[in-house]
Amino acid sequence: MENKITAGTKVEGNWGAMIPVSEGEVIYTTTQIINGKAKAVAAIEWDRYDDEGLEIESDVQIVDLSEIRAHGERSVNGSPVGIHLAV
């Protein structure tokens, strides 16, 4: 899956009960050295909206590419929580 994720890839974050879903976009992918090991990572810009649905700010999060799942894929224990490719 990692080779399908590039700048411009749309993603969804399913965070659970209080903030159910966020929309975002990969702004770049790169390799970082973490604890002496090379890791493929993506920078995701998450959109944030106010109560009227107007965009108020964006957050950028760096995540390991292996943490981004296919749309609809669940964790080993069946949880839908996590970052997924958008459709």
Protein backbone atom coordinates (compact mmCIF):
# COMPACT_ATOMS: atom_id res chain seq x y z
CA MET A 1 0.00 0.00 0.00
CA GLU A 2 2.78 2.47 0.82
CA ASN A 3 3.73 3.02 -2.84
CA LYS A 4 0.19 4.29 -3.63
CA ILE A 5 0.43 7.18 -1.18
CA THR A 6 1.81 10.36 -2.70
CA ALA A 7 1.33 14.12 -2.36
CA GLY A 8 -2.30 14.91 -3.06
CA THR A 9 -3.67 11.60 -1.74
CA LYS A 10 -6.92 12.23 0.17
CA VAL A 11 -7.28 10.54 3.56
CA GLU A 12 -9.87 10.26 6.33
CA GLY A 13 -9.14 10.07 10.03
CA ASN A 14 -11.63 8.09 12.11
CA TRP A 15 -10.92 9.16 15.69
CA GLY A 16 -13.80 7.58 17.57
CA ALA A 17 -16.78 9.01 19.44
CA MET A 18 -16.17 12.70 20.15
CA ILE A 19 -14.46 13.76 16.90
CA PRO A 20 -15.69 11.08 14.55
CA VAL A 21 -14.09 11.90 11.17
CA SER A 22 -11.54 14.33 9.76
CA GLU A 23 -10.66 14.91 6.13
CA GLY A 24 -7.09 15.47 5.08
CA GLU A 25 -4.58 15.40 2.29
CA VAL A 26 -1.03 14.12 2.09
CA ILE A 27 1.18 17.13 1.39
CA TYR A 28 4.44 15.19 1.05
CA THR A 29 6.09 11.85 1.73
CA THR A 30 9.69 11.37 2.77
CA THR A 31 12.03 9.14 4.69
CA GLN A 32 13.00 10.06 8.24
CA ILE A 33 15.55 8.50 10.57
CA ILE A 34 13.70 7.49 13.75
CA ASN A 35 15.66 5.73 16.50
CA GLY A 36 18.42 4.99 14.02
CA LYS A 37 16.10 3.37 11.45
CA ALA A 38 14.82 4.79 8.17
CA LYS A 39 11.02 5.11 8.10
CA ALA A 40 8.75 6.17 5.24
CA VAL A 41 6.44 8.90 6.53
CA ALA A 42 3.71 11.18 5.21
CA ALA A 43 2.80 14.70 6.25
CA ILE A 44 -0.99 14.99 6.38
CA GLU A 45 -2.77 18.34 6.46
CA TRP A 46 -6.06 17.92 8.34
CA ASP A 47 -8.94 20.29 7.67
CA ARG A 48 -10.76 21.78 10.66
CA TYR A 49 -14.17 23.42 10.56
CA ASP A 50 -16.27 25.52 12.92
CA ASP A 51 -19.88 24.73 13.89
CA GLU A 52 -21.18 26.37 10.70
CA GLY A 53 -18.92 24.26 8.49
CA LEU A 54 -16.44 27.04 7.67
CA GLU A 55 -12.77 26.05 7.55
CA ILE A 56 -10.94 27.70 10.44
CA GLU A 57 -7.46 26.20 10.40
CA SER A 58 -5.42 23.20 9.35
CA ASP A 59 -3.18 20.89 11.33
CA VAL A 60 -0.21 18.97 9.92
CA GLN A 61 0.59 15.54 11.31
CA ILE A 62 3.56 13.31 10.43
CA VAL A 63 2.60 9.62 10.33
CA ASP A 64 4.34 6.39 9.39
CA LEU A 65 3.08 5.29 5.96
CA SER A 66 2.29 1.87 7.40
CA GLU A 67 -0.35 3.51 9.63
CA ILE A 68 -2.45 4.58 6.63
CA ARG A 69 -4.91 1.81 5.77
CA ALA A 70 -7.02 1.08 2.72
CA HIS A 71 -10.55 2.48 2.75
CA GLY A 72 -12.72 0.32 5.00
CA GLU A 73 -9.80 -1.72 6.38
CA ARG A 74 -10.02 -2.42 10.11
CA SER A 75 -7.41 -3.14 12.74
CA VAL A 76 -6.60 -6.65 13.89
CA ASN A 77 -9.23 -6.39 16.63
CA GLY A 78 -11.88 -5.05 14.22
CA SER A 79 -11.72 -1.35 15.09
CA PRO A 80 -12.42 1.19 12.32
CA VAL A 81 -10.44 3.89 14.22
CA GLY A 82 -7.37 5.14 12.35
CA ILE A 83 -6.26 6.83 9.14
CA HIS A 84 -7.67 5.50 5.86
CA LEU A 85 -7.46 6.34 2.19
CA ALA A 86 -10.52 8.35 1.16
CA VAL A 87 -12.77 7.26 -1.68
